[in-house]
């Protein structure tokens, strides 16, 4: 094969290899981002659930405190608020 054909052919093969490596890298990167997103969403959901439980617990504590201080009489609860 003549040098006249080898040089463009070698550049074309090199460009094709670079293109294939880039596509492979993008596919691997997308998989890593999807896995990371799944892990992050799992931890965020756990944090939200924990905050929700803490808020519900503080409301329950406040209600118990109201009952202990003001009794079970609904008139006192309405009079002094919750």
PDB file of N, CA and C in Angstrom:
ATOM      1  N   UNK A   1       0.850  -1.164   0.000  1.00  0.00           N
ATOM      2  CA  UNK A   1       0.000   0.000   0.000  1.00  0.00           C
ATOM      3  C   UNK A   1       0.900   1.233   0.000  1.00  0.00           C
ATOM      4  N   UNK A   2       0.477   2.214  -0.718  1.00  0.00           N
ATOM      5  CA  UNK A   2       1.282   3.415  -0.855  1.00  0.00           C
ATOM      6  C   UNK A   2       1.094   4.333   0.348  1.00  0.00           C
ATOM      7  N   UNK A   3       2.078   5.161   0.577  1.00  0.00           N
ATOM      8  CA  UNK A   3       2.051   6.108   1.676  1.00  0.00           C
ATOM      9  C   UNK A   3       0.897   7.091   1.519  1.00  0.00           C
ATOM     10  N   UNK A   4       0.524   7.340   0.283  1.00  0.00           N
ATOM     11  CA  UNK A   4      -0.566   8.264  -0.016  1.00  0.00           C
ATOM     12  C   UNK A   4      -1.896   7.792   0.593  1.00  0.00           C
ATOM     13  N   UNK A   5      -2.078   6.491   0.716  1.00  0.00           N
ATOM     14  CA  UNK A   5      -3.305   5.932   1.294  1.00  0.00           C
ATOM     15  C   UNK A   5      -3.139   5.601   2.782  1.00  0.00           C
ATOM     16  N   UNK A   6      -1.919   5.300   3.190  1.00  0.00           N
ATOM     17  CA  UNK A   6      -1.696   4.920   4.585  1.00  0.00           C
ATOM     18  C   UNK A   6      -1.959   6.077   5.552  1.00  0.00           C
ATOM     19  N   UNK A   7      -1.498   7.265   5.213  1.00  0.00           N
ATOM     20  CA  UNK A   7      -1.629   8.398   6.135  1.00  0.00           C
ATOM     21  C   UNK A   7      -3.103   8.744   6.379  1.00  0.00           C
ATOM     22  N   UNK A   8      -3.922   8.965   5.366  1.00  0.00           N
ATOM     23  CA  UNK A   8      -5.339   9.251   5.655  1.00  0.00           C
ATOM     24  C   UNK A   8      -6.053   8.087   6.335  1.00  0.00           C
ATOM     25  N   UNK A   9      -5.674   6.851   5.942  1.00  0.00           N
ATOM     26  CA  UNK A   9      -6.291   5.688   6.563  1.00  0.00           C
ATOM     27  C   UNK A   9      -5.920   5.605   8.049  1.00  0.00           C
ATOM     28  N   UNK A  10      -4.672   5.888   8.375  1.00  0.00           N
ATOM     29  CA  UNK A  10      -4.264   5.844   9.783  1.00  0.00           C
ATOM     30  C   UNK A  10      -4.961   6.961  10.573  1.00  0.00           C
ATOM     31  N   UNK A  11      -5.132   8.142   9.999  1.00  0.00           N
ATOM     32  CA  UNK A  11      -5.882   9.200  10.675  1.00  0.00           C
ATOM     33  C   UNK A  11      -7.350   8.812  10.855  1.00  0.00           C
ATOM     34  N   UNK A  12      -7.935   8.189   9.866  1.00  0.00           N
ATOM     35  CA  UNK A  12      -9.335   7.760   9.971  1.00  0.00           C
ATOM     36  C   UNK A  12      -9.489   6.688  11.055  1.00  0.00           C
ATOM     37  N   UNK A  13      -8.566   5.735  11.101  1.00  0.00           N
ATOM     38  CA  UNK A  13      -8.626   4.693  12.122  1.00  0.00           C
ATOM     39  C   UNK A  13      -8.432   5.306  13.512  1.00  0.00           C
ATOM     40  N   UNK A  14      -7.509   6.232  13.629  1.00  0.00           N
ATOM     41  CA  UNK A  14      -7.282   6.905  14.910  1.00  0.00           C
ATOM     42  C   UNK A  14      -8.516   7.691  15.360  1.00  0.00           C
ATOM     43  N   UNK A  15      -9.131   8.420  14.427  1.00  0.00           N
ATOM     44  CA  UNK A  15     -10.342   9.172  14.758  1.00  0.00           C
ATOM     45  C   UNK A  15     -11.479   8.238  15.154  1.00  0.00           C
ATOM     46  N   UNK A  16     -11.587   7.111  14.476  1.00  0.00           N
ATOM     47  CA  UNK A  16     -12.622   6.124  14.814  1.00  0.00           C
ATOM     48  C   UNK A  16     -12.383   5.535  16.207  1.00  0.00           C
ATOM     49  N   UNK A  17     -11.128   5.245  16.535  1.00  0.00           N
ATOM     50  CA  UNK A  17     -10.809   4.723  17.861  1.00  0.00           C
ATOM     51  C   UNK A  17     -11.122   5.769  18.944  1.00  0.00           C
ATOM     52  N   UNK A  18     -10.795   7.019  18.691  1.00  0.00           N
ATOM     53  CA  UNK A  18     -11.093   8.077  19.653  1.00  0.00           C
ATOM     54  C   UNK A  18     -12.599   8.228  19.822  1.00  0.00           C
ATOM     55  N   UNK A  19     -13.351   8.150  18.729  1.00  0.00           N
ATOM     56  CA  UNK A  19     -14.805   8.243  18.799  1.00  0.00           C
ATOM     57  C   UNK A  19     -15.389   7.089  19.611  1.00  0.00           C
ATOM     58  N   UNK A  20     -14.894   5.874  19.367  1.00  0.00           N
ATOM     59  CA  UNK A  20     -15.389   4.713  20.108  1.00  0.00           C
ATOM     60  C   UNK A  20     -15.038   4.820  21.598  1.00  0.00           C
ATOM     61  N   UNK A  21     -13.847   5.301  21.913  1.00  0.00           N
ATOM     62  CA  UNK A  21     -13.457   5.466  23.312  1.00  0.00           C
ATOM     63  C   UNK A  21     -14.331   6.529  23.986  1.00  0.00           C
ATOM     64  N   UNK A  22     -14.644   7.598  23.275  1.00  0.00           N
ATOM     65  CA  UNK A  22     -15.513   8.642  23.823  1.00  0.00           C
ATOM     66  C   UNK A  22     -16.912   8.128  24.091  1.00  0.00           C
ATOM     67  N   UNK A  23     -17.459   7.375  23.171  1.00  0.00           N
ATOM     68  CA  UNK A  23     -18.809   6.814  23.357  1.00  0.00           C
ATOM     69  C   UNK A  23     -18.809   5.836  24.529  1.00  0.00           C
ATOM     70  N   UNK A  24     -17.777   5.005  24.625  1.00  0.00           N
ATOM     71  CA  UNK A  24     -17.675   4.059  25.739  1.00  0.00           C
ATOM     72  C   UNK A  24     -17.572   4.821  27.063  1.00  0.00           C
ATOM     73  N   UNK A  25     -16.785   5.890  27.097  1.00  0.00           N
ATOM     74  CA  UNK A  25     -16.657   6.698  28.306  1.00  0.00           C
ATOM     75  C   UNK A  25     -17.970   7.340  28.714  1.00  0.00           C
ATOM     76  N   UNK A  26     -18.728   7.830  27.745  1.00  0.00           N
ATOM     77  CA  UNK A  26     -20.022   8.448  28.040  1.00  0.00           C
ATOM     78  C   UNK A  26     -20.997   7.412  28.602  1.00  0.00           C
ATOM     79  N   UNK A  27     -20.997   6.219  28.035  1.00  0.00           N
ATOM     80  CA  UNK A  27     -21.884   5.160  28.528  1.00  0.00           C
ATOM     81  C   UNK A  27     -21.521   4.785  29.968  1.00  0.00           C
ATOM     82  N   UNK A  28     -20.237   4.633  30.245  1.00  0.00           N
ATOM     83  CA  UNK A  28     -19.794   4.290  31.597  1.00  0.00           C
ATOM     84  C   UNK A  28     -20.135   5.422  32.563  1.00  0.00           C
ATOM     85  N   UNK A  29     -19.941   6.662  32.137  1.00  0.00           N
ATOM     86  CA  UNK A  29     -20.260   7.816  32.976  1.00  0.00           C
ATOM     87  C   UNK A  29     -21.750   7.878  33.283  1.00  0.00           C
ATOM     88  N   UNK A  30     -22.591   7.630  32.306  1.00  0.00           N
ATOM     89  CA  UNK A  30     -24.039   7.641  32.542  1.00  0.00           C
ATOM     90  C   UNK A  30     -24.440   6.558  33.541  1.00  0.00           C
ATOM     91  N   UNK A  31     -23.831   5.389  33.451  1.00  0.00           N
ATOM     92  CA  UNK A  31     -24.118   4.333  34.414  1.00  0.00           C
ATOM     93  C   UNK A  31     -23.690   4.717  35.825  1.00  0.00           C
ATOM     94  N   UNK A  32     -22.521   5.350  35.949  1.00  0.00           N
ATOM     95  CA  UNK A  32     -22.042   5.769  37.264  1.00  0.00           C
ATOM     96  C   UNK A  32     -22.935   6.848  37.849  1.00  0.00           C
ATOM     97  N   UNK A  33     -23.370   7.791  37.020  1.00  0.00           N
ATOM     98  CA  UNK A  33     -24.252   8.859  37.498  1.00  0.00           C
ATOM     99  C   UNK A  33     -25.592   8.286  37.931  1.00  0.00           C
ATOM    100  N   UNK A  34     -26.119   7.333  37.195  1.00  0.00           N
ATOM    101  CA  UNK A  34     -27.403   6.719  37.570  1.00  0.00           C
ATOM    102  C   UNK A  34     -27.272   5.987  38.906  1.00  0.00           C
ATOM    103  N   UNK A  35     -26.180   5.259  39.100  1.00  0.00           N
ATOM    104  CA  UNK A  35     -25.978   4.546  40.367  1.00  0.00           C
ATOM    105  C   UNK A  35     -25.814   5.540  41.518  1.00  0.00           C
ATOM    106  N   UNK A  36     -25.046   6.603  41.299  1.00  0.00           N
ATOM    107  CA  UNK A  36     -24.848   7.616  42.331  1.00  0.00           C
ATOM    108  C   UNK A  36     -26.161   8.309  42.665  1.00  0.00           C
ATOM    109  N   UNK A  37     -26.956   8.624  41.643  1.00  0.00           N
ATOM    110  CA  UNK A  37     -28.249   9.274  41.863  1.00  0.00           C
ATOM    111  C   UNK A  37     -29.169   8.375  42.683  1.00  0.00           C
ATOM    112  N   UNK A  38     -29.167   7.083  42.397  1.00  0.00           N
ATOM    113  CA  UNK A  38     -29.988   6.137  43.142  1.00  0.00           C
ATOM    114  C   UNK A  38     -29.575   6.112  44.611  1.00  0.00           C
ATOM    115  N   UNK A  39     -28.256   6.070  44.871  1.00  0.00           N
ATOM    116  CA  UNK A  39     -27.776   6.069  46.246  1.00  0.00           C
ATOM    117  C   UNK A  39     -28.126   7.365  46.965  1.00  0.00           C
ATOM    118  N   UNK A  40     -27.963   8.484  46.292  1.00  0.00           N
ATOM    119  CA  UNK A  40     -28.260   9.772  46.909  1.00  0.00           C
ATOM    120  C   UNK A  40     -29.742   9.892  47.209  1.00  0.00           C
ATOM    121  N   UNK A  41     -30.591   9.504  46.267  1.00  0.00           N
ATOM    122  CA  UNK A  41     -32.026   9.584  46.502  1.00  0.00           C
ATOM    123  C   UNK A  41     -32.453   8.685  47.657  1.00  0.00           C
ATOM    124  N   UNK A  42     -31.790   7.542  47.800  1.00  0.00           N
ATOM    125  CA  UNK A  42     -32.100   6.639  48.908  1.00  0.00           C
ATOM    126  C   UNK A  42     -31.765   7.305  50.248  1.00  0.00           C
ATOM    127  N   UNK A  43     -30.598   7.949  50.324  1.00  0.00           N
ATOM    128  CA  UNK A  43     -30.209   8.615  51.561  1.00  0.00           C
ATOM    129  C   UNK A  43     -31.080   9.842  51.839  1.00  0.00           C
ATOM    130  N   UNK A  44     -31.441  10.574  50.809  1.00  0.00           N
ATOM    131  CA  UNK A  44     -32.302  11.743  50.998  1.00  0.00           C
ATOM    132  C   UNK A  44     -33.679  11.309  51.488  1.00  0.00           C
ATOM    133  N   UNK A  45     -34.199  10.225  50.928  1.00  0.00           N
ATOM    134  CA  UNK A  45     -35.502   9.718  51.381  1.00  0.00           C
ATOM    135  C   UNK A  45     -35.436   9.298  52.847  1.00  0.00           C
ATOM    136  N   UNK A  46     -34.333   8.682  53.243  1.00  0.00           N
ATOM    137  CA  UNK A  46     -34.164   8.306  54.641  1.00  0.00           C
ATOM    138  C   UNK A  46     -34.105   9.520  55.553  1.00  0.00           C
ATOM    139  N   UNK A  47     -33.418  10.566  55.114  1.00  0.00           N
ATOM    140  CA  UNK A  47     -33.350  11.790  55.894  1.00  0.00           C
ATOM    141  C   UNK A  47     -34.705  12.464  56.031  1.00  0.00           C
ATOM    142  N   UNK A  48     -35.468  12.469  54.932  1.00  0.00           N
ATOM    143  CA  UNK A  48     -36.816  13.049  54.979  1.00  0.00           C
ATOM    144  C   UNK A  48     -37.715  12.263  55.923  1.00  0.00           C
ATOM    145  N   UNK A  49     -37.609  10.941  55.878  1.00  0.00           N
ATOM    146  CA  UNK A  49     -38.424  10.104  56.762  1.00  0.00           C
ATOM    147  C   UNK A  49     -38.050  10.355  58.218  1.00  0.00           C
ATOM    148  N   UNK A  50     -36.770  10.487  58.501  1.00  0.00           N
ATOM    149  CA  UNK A  50     -36.328  10.780  59.861  1.00  0.00           C
ATOM    150  C   UNK A  50     -36.835  12.123  60.345  1.00  0.00           C
ATOM    151  N   UNK A  51     -36.798  13.135  59.482  1.00  0.00           N
ATOM    152  CA  UNK A  51     -37.311  14.453  59.859  1.00  0.00           C
ATOM    153  C   UNK A  51     -38.819  14.408  60.096  1.00  0.00           C
ATOM    154  N   UNK A  52     -39.516  13.637  59.276  1.00  0.00           N
ATOM    155  CA  UNK A  52     -40.966  13.492  59.451  1.00  0.00           C
ATOM    156  C   UNK A  52     -41.291  12.814  60.785  1.00  0.00           C
ATOM    157  N   UNK A  53     -40.540  11.782  61.131  1.00  0.00           N
ATOM    158  CA  UNK A  53     -40.749  11.092  62.400  1.00  0.00           C
ATOM    159  C   UNK A  53     -40.455  12.030  63.568  1.00  0.00           C
ATOM    160  N   UNK A  54     -39.380  12.817  63.452  1.00  0.00           N
ATOM    161  CA  UNK A  54     -39.038  13.753  64.527  1.00  0.00           C
ATOM    162  C   UNK A  54     -40.130  14.808  64.693  1.00  0.00           C
ATOM    163  N   UNK A  55     -40.675  15.305  63.583  1.00  0.00           N
ATOM    164  CA  UNK A  55     -41.739  16.302  63.668  1.00  0.00           C
ATOM    165  C   UNK A  55     -42.994  15.695  64.295  1.00  0.00           C
ATOM    166  N   UNK A  56     -43.355  14.494  63.887  1.00  0.00           N
ATOM    167  CA  UNK A  56     -44.519  13.833  64.476  1.00  0.00           C
ATOM    168  C   UNK A  56     -44.312  13.577  65.969  1.00  0.00           C
ATOM    169  N   UNK A  57     -43.098  13.206  66.336  1.00  0.00           N
ATOM    170  CA  UNK A  57     -42.811  12.952  67.743  1.00  0.00           C
ATOM    171  C   UNK A  57     -42.907  14.244  68.557  1.00  0.00           C
ATOM    172  N   UNK A  58     -42.420  15.345  68.025  1.00  0.00           N
ATOM    173  CA  UNK A  58     -42.498  16.605  68.774  1.00  0.00           C
ATOM    174  C   UNK A  58     -43.946  17.058  68.923  1.00  0.00           C
ATOM    175  N   UNK A  59     -44.773  16.816  67.910  1.00  0.00           N
ATOM    176  CA  UNK A  59     -46.198  17.147  68.025  1.00  0.00           C
ATOM    177  C   UNK A  59     -46.854  16.280  69.096  1.00  0.00           C
ATOM    178  N   UNK A  60     -46.499  15.000  69.125  1.00  0.00           N
ATOM    179  CA  UNK A  60     -47.068  14.101  70.128  1.00  0.00           C
ATOM    180  C   UNK A  60     -46.638  14.520  71.537  1.00  0.00           C
ATOM    181  N   UNK A  61     -45.394  14.926  71.688  1.00  0.00           N
ATOM    182  CA  UNK A  61     -44.910  15.391  72.988  1.00  0.00           C
ATOM    183  C   UNK A  61     -45.666  16.653  73.408  1.00  0.00           C
ATOM    184  N   UNK A  62     -45.874  17.574  72.476  1.00  0.00           N
ATOM    185  CA  UNK A  62     -46.607  18.807  72.789  1.00  0.00           C
ATOM    186  C   UNK A  62     -48.054  18.498  73.206  1.00  0.00           C
ATOM    187  N   UNK A  63     -48.685  17.548  72.532  1.00  0.00           N
ATOM    188  CA  UNK A  63     -50.053  17.179  72.893  1.00  0.00           C
ATOM    189  C   UNK A  63     -50.103  16.549  74.282  1.00  0.00           C
ATOM    190  N   UNK A  64     -49.139  15.678  74.585  1.00  0.00           N
ATOM    191  CA  UNK A  64     -49.098  15.088  75.916  1.00  0.00           C
ATOM    192  C   UNK A  64     -48.860  16.160  76.979  1.00  0.00           C
ATOM    193  N   UNK A  65     -47.999  17.111  76.663  1.00  0.00           N
ATOM    194  CA  UNK A  65     -47.731  18.192  77.607  1.00  0.00           C
ATOM    195  C   UNK A  65     -48.995  19.010  77.851  1.00  0.00           C
ATOM    196  N   UNK A  66     -49.727  19.291  76.801  1.00  0.00           N
ATOM    197  CA  UNK A  66     -50.976  20.031  76.937  1.00  0.00           C
ATOM    198  C   UNK A  66     -51.976  19.269  77.808  1.00  0.00           C
ATOM    199  N   UNK A  67     -52.081  17.975  77.609  1.00  0.00           N
ATOM    200  CA  UNK A  67     -53.019  17.169  78.396  1.00  0.00           C
ATOM    201  C   UNK A  67     -52.593  17.148  79.853  1.00  0.00           C
ATOM    202  N   UNK A  68     -51.281  17.002  80.099  1.00  0.00           N
ATOM    203  CA  UNK A  68     -50.804  16.939  81.480  1.00  0.00           C
ATOM    204  C   UNK A  68     -50.977  18.276  82.199  1.00  0.00           C
ATOM    205  N   UNK A  69     -50.768  19.374  81.489  1.00  0.00           N
ATOM    206  CA  UNK A  69     -50.869  20.695  82.125  1.00  0.00           C
ATOM    207  C   UNK A  69     -52.303  21.179  82.258  1.00  0.00           C
ATOM    208  N   UNK A  70     -53.116  20.911  81.261  1.00  0.00           N
ATOM    209  CA  UNK A  70     -54.457  21.499  81.226  1.00  0.00           C
ATOM    210  C   UNK A  70     -55.559  20.482  81.465  1.00  0.00           C
ATOM    211  N   UNK A  71     -55.238  19.235  81.538  1.00  0.00           N
ATOM    212  CA  UNK A  71     -56.236  18.206  81.752  1.00  0.00           C
ATOM    213  C   UNK A  71     -56.928  17.804  80.466  1.00  0.00           C
ATOM    214  N   UNK A  72     -57.906  16.933  80.612  1.00  0.00           N
ATOM    215  CA  UNK A  72     -58.601  16.417  79.432  1.00  0.00           C
ATOM    216  C   UNK A  72     -59.815  17.242  79.060  1.00  0.00           C
ATOM    217  N   UNK A  73     -60.104  18.264  79.813  1.00  0.00           N
ATOM    218  CA  UNK A  73     -61.291  19.078  79.576  1.00  0.00           C
ATOM    219  C   UNK A  73     -61.149  19.832  78.249  1.00  0.00           C
ATOM    220  N   UNK A  74     -62.022  19.579  77.276  1.00  0.00           N
ATOM    221  CA  UNK A  74     -61.915  20.255  75.976  1.00  0.00           C
ATOM    222  C   UNK A  74     -62.079  21.769  76.079  1.00  0.00           C
ATOM    223  N   UNK A  75     -62.813  22.233  77.071  1.00  0.00           N
ATOM    224  CA  UNK A  75     -62.995  23.683  77.217  1.00  0.00           C
ATOM    225  C   UNK A  75     -61.659  24.337  77.563  1.00  0.00           C
ATOM    226  N   UNK A  76     -60.883  23.726  78.444  1.00  0.00           N
ATOM    227  CA  UNK A  76     -59.577  24.269  78.787  1.00  0.00           C
ATOM    228  C   UNK A  76     -58.629  24.214  77.587  1.00  0.00           C
ATOM    229  N   UNK A  77     -58.718  23.142  76.825  1.00  0.00           N
ATOM    230  CA  UNK A  77     -57.854  23.046  75.647  1.00  0.00           C
ATOM    231  C   UNK A  77     -58.184  24.141  74.644  1.00  0.00           C
ATOM    232  N   UNK A  78     -59.489  24.407  74.452  1.00  0.00           N
ATOM    233  CA  UNK A  78     -59.872  25.474  73.528  1.00  0.00           C
ATOM    234  C   UNK A  78     -59.539  26.852  74.096  1.00  0.00           C
ATOM    235  N   UNK A  79     -59.685  27.006  75.381  1.00  0.00           N
ATOM    236  CA  UNK A  79     -59.450  28.300  76.025  1.00  0.00           C
ATOM    237  C   UNK A  79     -57.973  28.692  75.955  1.00  0.00           C
ATOM    238  N   UNK A  80     -57.090  27.756  76.256  1.00  0.00           N
ATOM    239  CA  UNK A  80     -55.675  28.063  76.319  1.00  0.00           C
ATOM    240  C   UNK A  80     -54.914  27.717  75.035  1.00  0.00           C
ATOM    241  N   UNK A  81     -55.598  27.152  74.062  1.00  0.00           N
ATOM    242  CA  UNK A  81     -54.963  26.826  72.787  1.00  0.00           C
ATOM    243  C   UNK A  81     -54.065  25.612  72.895  1.00  0.00           C
ATOM    244  N   UNK A  82     -53.574  25.223  71.765  1.00  0.00           N
ATOM    245  CA  UNK A  82     -52.707  24.039  71.736  1.00  0.00           C
ATOM    246  C   UNK A  82     -51.311  24.440  71.514  1.00  0.00           C
TER     247      UNK A  82
END
